[in-house]
């Protein structure tokens, strides 16, 4: 057998060893994540309410299922990327007396939920999965649609070490940075802590730049000064909220794309709910939540850096 034949044989053997995956939820994040799994040679069965979304994956090589149960019928791994906790609860635990997907899965199935939901919801599903002998991981992501397309997402994972070890090679196809945050629910807690801080930083950075501009400073000069001073932070480094200070960011493109303000609001609300459930004070997080709640009334679909408009509405024009 020649070298080329040997390489083809090894590829076929490696692909055969890969588990079949059911992917549920093909939105702006889920679809490119699923596509990266297909490119890596995984066999995928997909489900989504959107026919357009499933057709996209079918053209990429996935098989399309009529329900989550059908998608998982021949899968060793189930991955979900759903909008909110109620959807995760409905898929896995069922509703209105109907059994959820967990009741249909064989023991030993690995379930990876990459939705961003309340930690309490993740723990509830994990507890039910554990009773059925199913490995459940909460694995929310950071990195946005760009990271999902490029396969450079950050996965923040909660669950057992054994389940994490099984999931890591699969997550590595879709992400660049993969963290085991702790036990069930830890992934969700870490994610909302990060995004609460991000919301605070963005609101504060916009406020500081506005103060300088209203007092005669050039926004780029001020940003450069703060970037090299003790106020330096991620928003100044890679995501400046003031238009035309930085190229290739939403603020310089009419606040289009990126991470929508309504999604930041969702994550801040989750952080506040977790703080309430665990009796933790988060006064700055609460203020950021209040600011984004007001902002998203008219700007929910704009990138979260558009909080700059709270100080200067002309940035939206």
C-alpha atoms as a PDB file:
ATOM      1  CA  UNK A   1       0.000   0.000   0.000  1.00  0.00           C
ATOM      2  CA  UNK A   2       1.402   3.391  -0.986  1.00  0.00           C
ATOM      3  CA  UNK A   3       1.688   6.422   1.274  1.00  0.00           C
ATOM      4  CA  UNK A   4      -1.411   8.035  -0.240  1.00  0.00           C
ATOM      5  CA  UNK A   5      -3.468   4.863   0.236  1.00  0.00           C
ATOM      6  CA  UNK A   6      -2.227   4.605   3.821  1.00  0.00           C
ATOM      7  CA  UNK A   7      -3.215   8.200   4.541  1.00  0.00           C
ATOM      8  CA  UNK A   8      -6.701   7.596   3.158  1.00  0.00           C
ATOM      9  CA  UNK A   9      -7.023   4.434   5.234  1.00  0.00           C
ATOM     10  CA  UNK A  10      -5.967   6.275   8.404  1.00  0.00           C
ATOM     11  CA  UNK A  11      -8.458   9.076   7.682  1.00  0.00           C
ATOM     12  CA  UNK A  12     -11.272   6.574   7.207  1.00  0.00           C
ATOM     13  CA  UNK A  13     -10.318   4.833  10.459  1.00  0.00           C
ATOM     14  CA  UNK A  14     -10.228   8.122  12.383  1.00  0.00           C
ATOM     15  CA  UNK A  15     -13.609   9.223  10.993  1.00  0.00           C
ATOM     16  CA  UNK A  16     -15.120   5.847  11.915  1.00  0.00           C
ATOM     17  CA  UNK A  17     -13.921   6.265  15.492  1.00  0.00           C
ATOM     18  CA  UNK A  18     -15.635   9.623  15.859  1.00  0.00           C
ATOM     19  CA  UNK A  19     -19.005   9.550  17.627  1.00  0.00           C
ATOM     20  CA  UNK A  20     -22.222  10.410  15.834  1.00  0.00           C
ATOM     21  CA  UNK A  21     -23.469  13.800  16.997  1.00  0.00           C
ATOM     22  CA  UNK A  22     -26.970  15.243  17.233  1.00  0.00           C
ATOM     23  CA  UNK A  23     -26.954  19.049  17.048  1.00  0.00           C
ATOM     24  CA  UNK A  24     -30.062  20.879  18.249  1.00  0.00           C
ATOM     25  CA  UNK A  25     -30.405  24.608  17.613  1.00  0.00           C
ATOM     26  CA  UNK A  26     -28.993  26.121  14.428  1.00  0.00           C
ATOM     27  CA  UNK A  27     -29.151  29.839  15.044  1.00  0.00           C
ATOM     28  CA  UNK A  28     -26.414  32.408  14.414  1.00  0.00           C
ATOM     29  CA  UNK A  29     -24.082  30.513  16.731  1.00  0.00           C
ATOM     30  CA  UNK A  30     -25.255  26.924  16.381  1.00  0.00           C
ATOM     31  CA  UNK A  31     -25.140  26.725  12.577  1.00  0.00           C
ATOM     32  CA  UNK A  32     -21.452  27.612  12.144  1.00  0.00           C
ATOM     33  CA  UNK A  33     -20.524  25.445  15.132  1.00  0.00           C
ATOM     34  CA  UNK A  34     -22.262  22.495  13.481  1.00  0.00           C
ATOM     35  CA  UNK A  35     -20.574  23.264  10.166  1.00  0.00           C
ATOM     36  CA  UNK A  36     -17.155  23.097  11.805  1.00  0.00           C
ATOM     37  CA  UNK A  37     -17.982  19.655  13.176  1.00  0.00           C
ATOM     38  CA  UNK A  38     -18.928  18.508   9.675  1.00  0.00           C
ATOM     39  CA  UNK A  39     -15.659  19.872   8.278  1.00  0.00           C
ATOM     40  CA  UNK A  40     -13.805  17.853  10.923  1.00  0.00           C
ATOM     41  CA  UNK A  41     -15.449  14.646   9.727  1.00  0.00           C
ATOM     42  CA  UNK A  42     -18.154  14.128  12.335  1.00  0.00           C
ATOM     43  CA  UNK A  43     -21.453  12.590  11.250  1.00  0.00           C
ATOM     44  CA  UNK A  44     -24.195  15.028  12.218  1.00  0.00           C
ATOM     45  CA  UNK A  45     -27.949  14.796  12.551  1.00  0.00           C
ATOM     46  CA  UNK A  46     -29.460  18.238  13.083  1.00  0.00           C
ATOM     47  CA  UNK A  47     -32.734  19.725  14.257  1.00  0.00           C
ATOM     48  CA  UNK A  48     -34.089  23.264  14.250  1.00  0.00           C
ATOM     49  CA  UNK A  49     -37.499  24.852  13.840  1.00  0.00           C
ATOM     50  CA  UNK A  50     -36.152  26.883  10.925  1.00  0.00           C
ATOM     51  CA  UNK A  51     -36.290  25.053   7.599  1.00  0.00           C
ATOM     52  CA  UNK A  52     -33.800  27.525   6.151  1.00  0.00           C
ATOM     53  CA  UNK A  53     -31.313  26.671   8.893  1.00  0.00           C
ATOM     54  CA  UNK A  54     -31.656  22.922   8.448  1.00  0.00           C
ATOM     55  CA  UNK A  55     -31.337  23.216   4.660  1.00  0.00           C
ATOM     56  CA  UNK A  56     -28.073  25.074   5.131  1.00  0.00           C
ATOM     57  CA  UNK A  57     -26.676  22.212   7.205  1.00  0.00           C
ATOM     58  CA  UNK A  58     -28.076  19.590   4.876  1.00  0.00           C
ATOM     59  CA  UNK A  59     -26.185  21.186   2.008  1.00  0.00           C
ATOM     60  CA  UNK A  60     -23.052  21.036   4.151  1.00  0.00           C
ATOM     61  CA  UNK A  61     -23.485  17.288   4.665  1.00  0.00           C
ATOM     62  CA  UNK A  62     -25.697  16.833   7.726  1.00  0.00           C
ATOM     63  CA  UNK A  63     -28.828  14.722   7.911  1.00  0.00           C
ATOM     64  CA  UNK A  64     -31.973  16.567   8.970  1.00  0.00           C
ATOM     65  CA  UNK A  65     -34.268  15.219  11.693  1.00  0.00           C
ATOM     66  CA  UNK A  66     -37.926  15.981  12.395  1.00  0.00           C
ATOM     67  CA  UNK A  67     -37.476  16.303  16.163  1.00  0.00           C
ATOM     68  CA  UNK A  68     -34.763  16.326  18.835  1.00  0.00           C
ATOM     69  CA  UNK A  69     -35.619  12.680  19.551  1.00  0.00           C
ATOM     70  CA  UNK A  70     -35.107  11.723  15.908  1.00  0.00           C
ATOM     71  CA  UNK A  71     -31.855  13.670  15.751  1.00  0.00           C
ATOM     72  CA  UNK A  72     -30.485  11.787  18.764  1.00  0.00           C
ATOM     73  CA  UNK A  73     -31.740   8.329  17.771  1.00  0.00           C
ATOM     74  CA  UNK A  74     -28.316   7.183  16.569  1.00  0.00           C
ATOM     75  CA  UNK A  75     -26.070   9.629  18.404  1.00  0.00           C
ATOM     76  CA  UNK A  76     -23.528   9.087  21.124  1.00  0.00           C
ATOM     77  CA  UNK A  77     -23.214  12.844  21.709  1.00  0.00           C
ATOM     78  CA  UNK A  78     -25.923  15.530  21.814  1.00  0.00           C
ATOM     79  CA  UNK A  79     -25.012  19.217  21.501  1.00  0.00           C
ATOM     80  CA  UNK A  80     -27.550  22.005  21.928  1.00  0.00           C
ATOM     81  CA  UNK A  81     -27.400  25.759  21.393  1.00  0.00           C
ATOM     82  CA  UNK A  82     -30.768  27.169  22.426  1.00  0.00           C
ATOM     83  CA  UNK A  83     -32.050  30.706  23.148  1.00  0.00           C
ATOM     84  CA  UNK A  84     -33.005  30.457  26.816  1.00  0.00           C
ATOM     85  CA  UNK A  85     -33.478  28.241  29.836  1.00  0.00           C
ATOM     86  CA  UNK A  86     -37.125  27.505  29.018  1.00  0.00           C
ATOM     87  CA  UNK A  87     -36.066  25.993  25.706  1.00  0.00           C
ATOM     88  CA  UNK A  88     -33.377  23.849  27.339  1.00  0.00           C
ATOM     89  CA  UNK A  89     -35.917  22.689  29.926  1.00  0.00           C
ATOM     90  CA  UNK A  90     -38.469  21.872  27.216  1.00  0.00           C
ATOM     91  CA  UNK A  91     -36.036  19.891  25.047  1.00  0.00           C
ATOM     92  CA  UNK A  92     -34.413  17.848  27.779  1.00  0.00           C
ATOM     93  CA  UNK A  93     -37.060  17.564  30.498  1.00  0.00           C
ATOM     94  CA  UNK A  94     -40.240  17.944  28.447  1.00  0.00           C
ATOM     95  CA  UNK A  95     -43.369  19.967  29.112  1.00  0.00           C
ATOM     96  CA  UNK A  96     -47.132  19.541  29.441  1.00  0.00           C
ATOM     97  CA  UNK A  97     -46.687  15.981  30.675  1.00  0.00           C
ATOM     98  CA  UNK A  98     -44.576  14.890  27.705  1.00  0.00           C
ATOM     99  CA  UNK A  99     -41.192  13.302  28.342  1.00  0.00           C
ATOM    100  CA  UNK A 100     -38.101  15.196  27.274  1.00  0.00           C
ATOM    101  CA  UNK A 101     -35.074  14.039  25.351  1.00  0.00           C
ATOM    102  CA  UNK A 102     -33.221  12.764  28.429  1.00  0.00           C
ATOM    103  CA  UNK A 103     -35.803  10.024  28.856  1.00  0.00           C
ATOM    104  CA  UNK A 104     -35.039   8.783  25.331  1.00  0.00           C
ATOM    105  CA  UNK A 105     -31.243   8.711  25.548  1.00  0.00           C
ATOM    106  CA  UNK A 106     -29.296   5.558  26.452  1.00  0.00           C
ATOM    107  CA  UNK A 107     -26.994   5.487  29.454  1.00  0.00           C
ATOM    108  CA  UNK A 108     -23.554   6.837  28.706  1.00  0.00           C
ATOM    109  CA  UNK A 109     -24.726   9.468  26.222  1.00  0.00           C
ATOM    110  CA  UNK A 110     -22.741  12.698  26.449  1.00  0.00           C
ATOM    111  CA  UNK A 111     -24.895  15.848  26.420  1.00  0.00           C
ATOM    112  CA  UNK A 112     -23.246  19.237  25.890  1.00  0.00           C
ATOM    113  CA  UNK A 113     -25.519  22.247  26.272  1.00  0.00           C
ATOM    114  CA  UNK A 114     -23.855  25.435  25.005  1.00  0.00           C
ATOM    115  CA  UNK A 115     -26.851  27.679  25.671  1.00  0.00           C
ATOM    116  CA  UNK A 116     -26.385  30.560  28.091  1.00  0.00           C
ATOM    117  CA  UNK A 117     -28.947  29.955  30.838  1.00  0.00           C
ATOM    118  CA  UNK A 118     -29.318  30.323  34.584  1.00  0.00           C
ATOM    119  CA  UNK A 119     -26.984  28.119  36.602  1.00  0.00           C
ATOM    120  CA  UNK A 120     -29.985  26.771  38.511  1.00  0.00           C
ATOM    121  CA  UNK A 121     -31.562  25.591  35.237  1.00  0.00           C
ATOM    122  CA  UNK A 122     -28.330  23.902  34.172  1.00  0.00           C
ATOM    123  CA  UNK A 123     -28.071  22.112  37.515  1.00  0.00           C
ATOM    124  CA  UNK A 124     -31.697  20.959  37.280  1.00  0.00           C
ATOM    125  CA  UNK A 125     -31.113  19.339  33.887  1.00  0.00           C
ATOM    126  CA  UNK A 126     -27.776  17.892  35.044  1.00  0.00           C
ATOM    127  CA  UNK A 127     -29.411  16.299  38.088  1.00  0.00           C
ATOM    128  CA  UNK A 128     -32.058  14.618  35.947  1.00  0.00           C
ATOM    129  CA  UNK A 129     -29.409  13.452  33.486  1.00  0.00           C
ATOM    130  CA  UNK A 130     -27.256  11.998  36.251  1.00  0.00           C
ATOM    131  CA  UNK A 131     -30.160   9.906  37.559  1.00  0.00           C
ATOM    132  CA  UNK A 132     -30.457   8.384  34.092  1.00  0.00           C
ATOM    133  CA  UNK A 133     -26.750   7.649  33.736  1.00  0.00           C
ATOM    134  CA  UNK A 134     -26.240  10.433  31.196  1.00  0.00           C
ATOM    135  CA  UNK A 135     -23.175  12.715  31.237  1.00  0.00           C
ATOM    136  CA  UNK A 136     -24.342  16.347  31.100  1.00  0.00           C
ATOM    137  CA  UNK A 137     -22.136  19.403  30.650  1.00  0.00           C
ATOM    138  CA  UNK A 138     -23.146  23.047  30.661  1.00  0.00           C
ATOM    139  CA  UNK A 139     -20.739  24.634  28.185  1.00  0.00           C
ATOM    140  CA  UNK A 140     -21.685  28.225  27.321  1.00  0.00           C
ATOM    141  CA  UNK A 141     -19.433  30.049  24.878  1.00  0.00           C
ATOM    142  CA  UNK A 142     -17.764  33.393  24.385  1.00  0.00           C
ATOM    143  CA  UNK A 143     -16.495  34.763  21.104  1.00  0.00           C
ATOM    144  CA  UNK A 144     -19.606  35.717  19.153  1.00  0.00           C
ATOM    145  CA  UNK A 145     -20.598  34.716  15.655  1.00  0.00           C
ATOM    146  CA  UNK A 146     -17.133  35.506  14.337  1.00  0.00           C
ATOM    147  CA  UNK A 147     -15.610  33.017  16.753  1.00  0.00           C
ATOM    148  CA  UNK A 148     -18.265  30.445  15.894  1.00  0.00           C
ATOM    149  CA  UNK A 149     -17.465  30.728  12.190  1.00  0.00           C
ATOM    150  CA  UNK A 150     -13.695  30.667  12.703  1.00  0.00           C
ATOM    151  CA  UNK A 151     -13.809  27.836  15.236  1.00  0.00           C
ATOM    152  CA  UNK A 152     -12.111  29.995  17.864  1.00  0.00           C
ATOM    153  CA  UNK A 153     -14.818  30.125  20.550  1.00  0.00           C
ATOM    154  CA  UNK A 154     -14.069  29.974  24.242  1.00  0.00           C
ATOM    155  CA  UNK A 155     -15.957  27.154  25.974  1.00  0.00           C
ATOM    156  CA  UNK A 156     -16.593  27.518  29.710  1.00  0.00           C
ATOM    157  CA  UNK A 157     -17.592  24.077  30.949  1.00  0.00           C
ATOM    158  CA  UNK A 158     -19.322  22.813  34.069  1.00  0.00           C
ATOM    159  CA  UNK A 159     -19.613  19.108  34.886  1.00  0.00           C
ATOM    160  CA  UNK A 160     -17.569  16.089  35.896  1.00  0.00           C
ATOM    161  CA  UNK A 161     -13.915  15.751  34.946  1.00  0.00           C
ATOM    162  CA  UNK A 162     -14.629  12.470  33.131  1.00  0.00           C
ATOM    163  CA  UNK A 163     -17.372  14.025  31.000  1.00  0.00           C
ATOM    164  CA  UNK A 164     -15.169  17.023  30.282  1.00  0.00           C
ATOM    165  CA  UNK A 165     -12.372  14.731  29.065  1.00  0.00           C
ATOM    166  CA  UNK A 166     -14.808  13.043  26.654  1.00  0.00           C
ATOM    167  CA  UNK A 167     -16.072  16.370  25.373  1.00  0.00           C
ATOM    168  CA  UNK A 168     -12.762  18.186  24.995  1.00  0.00           C
ATOM    169  CA  UNK A 169     -11.750  16.778  21.563  1.00  0.00           C
ATOM    170  CA  UNK A 170     -15.170  17.703  20.187  1.00  0.00           C
ATOM    171  CA  UNK A 171     -15.123  21.185  21.693  1.00  0.00           C
ATOM    172  CA  UNK A 172     -11.617  21.719  20.304  1.00  0.00           C
ATOM    173  CA  UNK A 173     -13.076  21.526  16.780  1.00  0.00           C
ATOM    174  CA  UNK A 174     -15.320  24.495  17.532  1.00  0.00           C
ATOM    175  CA  UNK A 175     -13.180  26.451  19.983  1.00  0.00           C
ATOM    176  CA  UNK A 176      -9.689  27.649  20.753  1.00  0.00           C
ATOM    177  CA  UNK A 177      -9.877  28.084  24.522  1.00  0.00           C
ATOM    178  CA  UNK A 178     -11.579  25.391  26.582  1.00  0.00           C
ATOM    179  CA  UNK A 179     -11.919  25.758  30.344  1.00  0.00           C
ATOM    180  CA  UNK A 180     -13.242  23.312  32.915  1.00  0.00           C
ATOM    181  CA  UNK A 181     -14.780  25.770  35.381  1.00  0.00           C
ATOM    182  CA  UNK A 182     -15.982  23.189  37.914  1.00  0.00           C
ATOM    183  CA  UNK A 183     -19.030  21.056  38.594  1.00  0.00           C
ATOM    184  CA  UNK A 184     -22.503  21.376  37.061  1.00  0.00           C
ATOM    185  CA  UNK A 185     -23.572  24.985  36.671  1.00  0.00           C
ATOM    186  CA  UNK A 186     -20.033  26.333  36.991  1.00  0.00           C
ATOM    187  CA  UNK A 187     -19.814  27.040  33.288  1.00  0.00           C
ATOM    188  CA  UNK A 188     -22.900  29.234  33.447  1.00  0.00           C
ATOM    189  CA  UNK A 189     -21.708  31.066  36.558  1.00  0.00           C
ATOM    190  CA  UNK A 190     -18.308  31.822  35.014  1.00  0.00           C
ATOM    191  CA  UNK A 191     -19.922  32.987  31.773  1.00  0.00           C
ATOM    192  CA  UNK A 192     -22.302  35.430  33.440  1.00  0.00           C
ATOM    193  CA  UNK A 193     -19.552  36.743  35.742  1.00  0.00           C
ATOM    194  CA  UNK A 194     -17.476  37.511  32.659  1.00  0.00           C
ATOM    195  CA  UNK A 195     -20.349  39.146  30.797  1.00  0.00           C
ATOM    196  CA  UNK A 196     -21.462  41.141  33.804  1.00  0.00           C
ATOM    197  CA  UNK A 197     -17.954  42.581  34.006  1.00  0.00           C
ATOM    198  CA  UNK A 198     -17.968  43.192  30.241  1.00  0.00           C
ATOM    199  CA  UNK A 199     -21.222  45.124  30.496  1.00  0.00           C
ATOM    200  CA  UNK A 200     -19.813  47.218  33.329  1.00  0.00           C
ATOM    201  CA  UNK A 201     -16.604  47.897  31.395  1.00  0.00           C
ATOM    202  CA  UNK A 202     -18.427  48.889  28.215  1.00  0.00           C
ATOM    203  CA  UNK A 203     -20.811  51.231  30.027  1.00  0.00           C
ATOM    204  CA  UNK A 204     -17.929  52.784  31.965  1.00  0.00           C
ATOM    205  CA  UNK A 205     -15.688  53.165  28.924  1.00  0.00           C
ATOM    206  CA  UNK A 206     -18.469  54.887  26.967  1.00  0.00           C
ATOM    207  CA  UNK A 207     -19.079  57.209  29.912  1.00  0.00           C
ATOM    208  CA  UNK A 208     -15.396  58.116  30.219  1.00  0.00           C
ATOM    209  CA  UNK A 209     -14.948  58.794  26.502  1.00  0.00           C
ATOM    210  CA  UNK A 210     -18.085  60.942  26.475  1.00  0.00           C
ATOM    211  CA  UNK A 211     -16.781  62.990  29.407  1.00  0.00           C
ATOM    212  CA  UNK A 212     -13.575  63.679  27.514  1.00  0.00           C
ATOM    213  CA  UNK A 213     -15.267  64.488  24.212  1.00  0.00           C
ATOM    214  CA  UNK A 214     -17.733  66.870  25.868  1.00  0.00           C
ATOM    215  CA  UNK A 215     -14.717  68.653  27.334  1.00  0.00           C
ATOM    216  CA  UNK A 216     -12.913  69.092  24.032  1.00  0.00           C
ATOM    217  CA  UNK A 217     -10.780  65.965  23.747  1.00  0.00           C
ATOM    218  CA  UNK A 218     -10.409  63.938  20.588  1.00  0.00           C
ATOM    219  CA  UNK A 219     -11.936  60.474  21.253  1.00  0.00           C
ATOM    220  CA  UNK A 220      -9.012  58.627  19.662  1.00  0.00           C
ATOM    221  CA  UNK A 221      -6.378  60.626  21.531  1.00  0.00           C
ATOM    222  CA  UNK A 222      -8.230  60.053  24.806  1.00  0.00           C
ATOM    223  CA  UNK A 223      -8.632  56.347  24.034  1.00  0.00           C
ATOM    224  CA  UNK A 224      -4.909  56.032  23.301  1.00  0.00           C
ATOM    225  CA  UNK A 225      -4.070  57.780  26.563  1.00  0.00           C
ATOM    226  CA  UNK A 226      -6.332  55.519  28.628  1.00  0.00           C
ATOM    227  CA  UNK A 227      -5.096  52.487  26.709  1.00  0.00           C
ATOM    228  CA  UNK A 228      -1.583  53.165  27.978  1.00  0.00           C
ATOM    229  CA  UNK A 229      -2.735  54.149  31.462  1.00  0.00           C
ATOM    230  CA  UNK A 230      -4.406  52.511  34.441  1.00  0.00           C
ATOM    231  CA  UNK A 231      -7.870  52.675  32.837  1.00  0.00           C
ATOM    232  CA  UNK A 232      -6.806  50.165  30.183  1.00  0.00           C
ATOM    233  CA  UNK A 233      -9.356  47.421  29.531  1.00  0.00           C
ATOM    234  CA  UNK A 234     -10.605  45.044  26.808  1.00  0.00           C
ATOM    235  CA  UNK A 235     -13.077  47.514  25.334  1.00  0.00           C
ATOM    236  CA  UNK A 236     -10.306  50.046  24.739  1.00  0.00           C
ATOM    237  CA  UNK A 237      -7.963  47.397  23.361  1.00  0.00           C
ATOM    238  CA  UNK A 238     -10.195  45.705  20.801  1.00  0.00           C
ATOM    239  CA  UNK A 239     -13.777  47.041  20.865  1.00  0.00           C
ATOM    240  CA  UNK A 240     -13.843  50.821  21.249  1.00  0.00           C
ATOM    241  CA  UNK A 241     -17.463  52.087  21.492  1.00  0.00           C
ATOM    242  CA  UNK A 242     -16.837  55.472  19.829  1.00  0.00           C
ATOM    243  CA  UNK A 243     -17.273  55.600  16.024  1.00  0.00           C
ATOM    244  CA  UNK A 244     -14.179  55.695  13.804  1.00  0.00           C
ATOM    245  CA  UNK A 245     -11.690  55.399  16.657  1.00  0.00           C
ATOM    246  CA  UNK A 246     -10.983  51.799  15.700  1.00  0.00           C
ATOM    247  CA  UNK A 247     -11.435  49.948  12.407  1.00  0.00           C
ATOM    248  CA  UNK A 248     -13.402  46.743  11.937  1.00  0.00           C
ATOM    249  CA  UNK A 249     -15.533  47.082  15.073  1.00  0.00           C
ATOM    250  CA  UNK A 250     -19.322  47.563  15.237  1.00  0.00           C
ATOM    251  CA  UNK A 251     -19.084  51.180  16.417  1.00  0.00           C
ATOM    252  CA  UNK A 252     -17.442  52.085  13.108  1.00  0.00           C
ATOM    253  CA  UNK A 253     -20.132  50.235  11.163  1.00  0.00           C
ATOM    254  CA  UNK A 254     -23.303  51.774  12.544  1.00  0.00           C
ATOM    255  CA  UNK A 255     -23.162  49.340  15.494  1.00  0.00           C
ATOM    256  CA  UNK A 256     -24.130  46.477  13.197  1.00  0.00           C
ATOM    257  CA  UNK A 257     -23.048  42.908  13.870  1.00  0.00           C
ATOM    258  CA  UNK A 258     -21.163  41.857  16.965  1.00  0.00           C
ATOM    259  CA  UNK A 259     -23.016  41.056  20.195  1.00  0.00           C
ATOM    260  CA  UNK A 260     -26.511  42.504  20.278  1.00  0.00           C
ATOM    261  CA  UNK A 261     -27.499  44.722  23.184  1.00  0.00           C
ATOM    262  CA  UNK A 262     -30.518  42.538  23.936  1.00  0.00           C
ATOM    263  CA  UNK A 263     -28.192  39.569  24.414  1.00  0.00           C
ATOM    264  CA  UNK A 264     -26.041  41.548  26.811  1.00  0.00           C
ATOM    265  CA  UNK A 265     -29.248  42.472  28.634  1.00  0.00           C
ATOM    266  CA  UNK A 266     -30.189  38.791  28.808  1.00  0.00           C
ATOM    267  CA  UNK A 267     -26.818  37.882  30.343  1.00  0.00           C
ATOM    268  CA  UNK A 268     -26.958  40.750  32.820  1.00  0.00           C
ATOM    269  CA  UNK A 269     -30.414  39.611  33.896  1.00  0.00           C
ATOM    270  CA  UNK A 270     -29.033  36.098  34.436  1.00  0.00           C
ATOM    271  CA  UNK A 271     -26.229  37.548  36.543  1.00  0.00           C
ATOM    272  CA  UNK A 272     -28.712  39.495  38.647  1.00  0.00           C
ATOM    273  CA  UNK A 273     -30.883  36.398  39.102  1.00  0.00           C
ATOM    274  CA  UNK A 274     -27.880  34.366  40.241  1.00  0.00           C
ATOM    275  CA  UNK A 275     -26.845  37.146  42.616  1.00  0.00           C
ATOM    276  CA  UNK A 276     -30.348  37.223  44.064  1.00  0.00           C
ATOM    277  CA  UNK A 277     -30.503  33.433  44.409  1.00  0.00           C
ATOM    278  CA  UNK A 278     -27.204  33.353  46.296  1.00  0.00           C
ATOM    279  CA  UNK A 279     -27.606  36.608  48.258  1.00  0.00           C
ATOM    280  CA  UNK A 280     -24.605  38.330  46.662  1.00  0.00           C
ATOM    281  CA  UNK A 281     -24.405  42.120  46.295  1.00  0.00           C
ATOM    282  CA  UNK A 282     -23.613  43.369  42.774  1.00  0.00           C
ATOM    283  CA  UNK A 283     -24.301  47.132  42.778  1.00  0.00           C
ATOM    284  CA  UNK A 284     -22.242  47.866  39.653  1.00  0.00           C
ATOM    285  CA  UNK A 285     -23.766  44.904  37.857  1.00  0.00           C
ATOM    286  CA  UNK A 286     -27.204  46.150  38.870  1.00  0.00           C
ATOM    287  CA  UNK A 287     -26.471  49.598  37.446  1.00  0.00           C
ATOM    288  CA  UNK A 288     -25.194  48.132  34.168  1.00  0.00           C
ATOM    289  CA  UNK A 289     -28.363  46.021  33.984  1.00  0.00           C
ATOM    290  CA  UNK A 290     -30.475  49.139  34.504  1.00  0.00           C
ATOM    291  CA  UNK A 291     -28.585  51.046  31.788  1.00  0.00           C
ATOM    292  CA  UNK A 292     -28.892  48.250  29.236  1.00  0.00           C
ATOM    293  CA  UNK A 293     -32.563  47.702  30.065  1.00  0.00           C
ATOM    294  CA  UNK A 294     -33.279  51.298  29.069  1.00  0.00           C
ATOM    295  CA  UNK A 295     -30.956  51.150  26.067  1.00  0.00           C
ATOM    296  CA  UNK A 296     -32.398  47.978  24.543  1.00  0.00           C
ATOM    297  CA  UNK A 297     -35.907  49.441  24.298  1.00  0.00           C
ATOM    298  CA  UNK A 298     -34.904  51.063  21.000  1.00  0.00           C
ATOM    299  CA  UNK A 299     -31.485  49.564  20.334  1.00  0.00           C
ATOM    300  CA  UNK A 300     -31.801  45.909  21.221  1.00  0.00           C
ATOM    301  CA  UNK A 301     -30.560  44.693  17.844  1.00  0.00           C
ATOM    302  CA  UNK A 302     -27.550  47.015  17.780  1.00  0.00           C
ATOM    303  CA  UNK A 303     -24.197  45.883  19.147  1.00  0.00           C
ATOM    304  CA  UNK A 304     -23.820  46.336  22.890  1.00  0.00           C
ATOM    305  CA  UNK A 305     -21.158  49.016  22.353  1.00  0.00           C
ATOM    306  CA  UNK A 306     -24.019  51.233  21.147  1.00  0.00           C
ATOM    307  CA  UNK A 307     -24.551  52.064  24.833  1.00  0.00           C
ATOM    308  CA  UNK A 308     -22.415  55.038  23.713  1.00  0.00           C
ATOM    309  CA  UNK A 309     -25.656  56.499  22.296  1.00  0.00           C
ATOM    310  CA  UNK A 310     -26.924  56.984  25.830  1.00  0.00           C
ATOM    311  CA  UNK A 311     -24.522  59.937  26.015  1.00  0.00           C
ATOM    312  CA  UNK A 312     -24.537  61.060  22.374  1.00  0.00           C
ATOM    313  CA  UNK A 313     -27.366  59.933  20.108  1.00  0.00           C
ATOM    314  CA  UNK A 314     -25.570  61.348  17.054  1.00  0.00           C
ATOM    315  CA  UNK A 315     -23.249  58.307  17.040  1.00  0.00           C
ATOM    316  CA  UNK A 316     -26.151  56.276  15.646  1.00  0.00           C
ATOM    317  CA  UNK A 317     -26.496  58.461  12.559  1.00  0.00           C
END
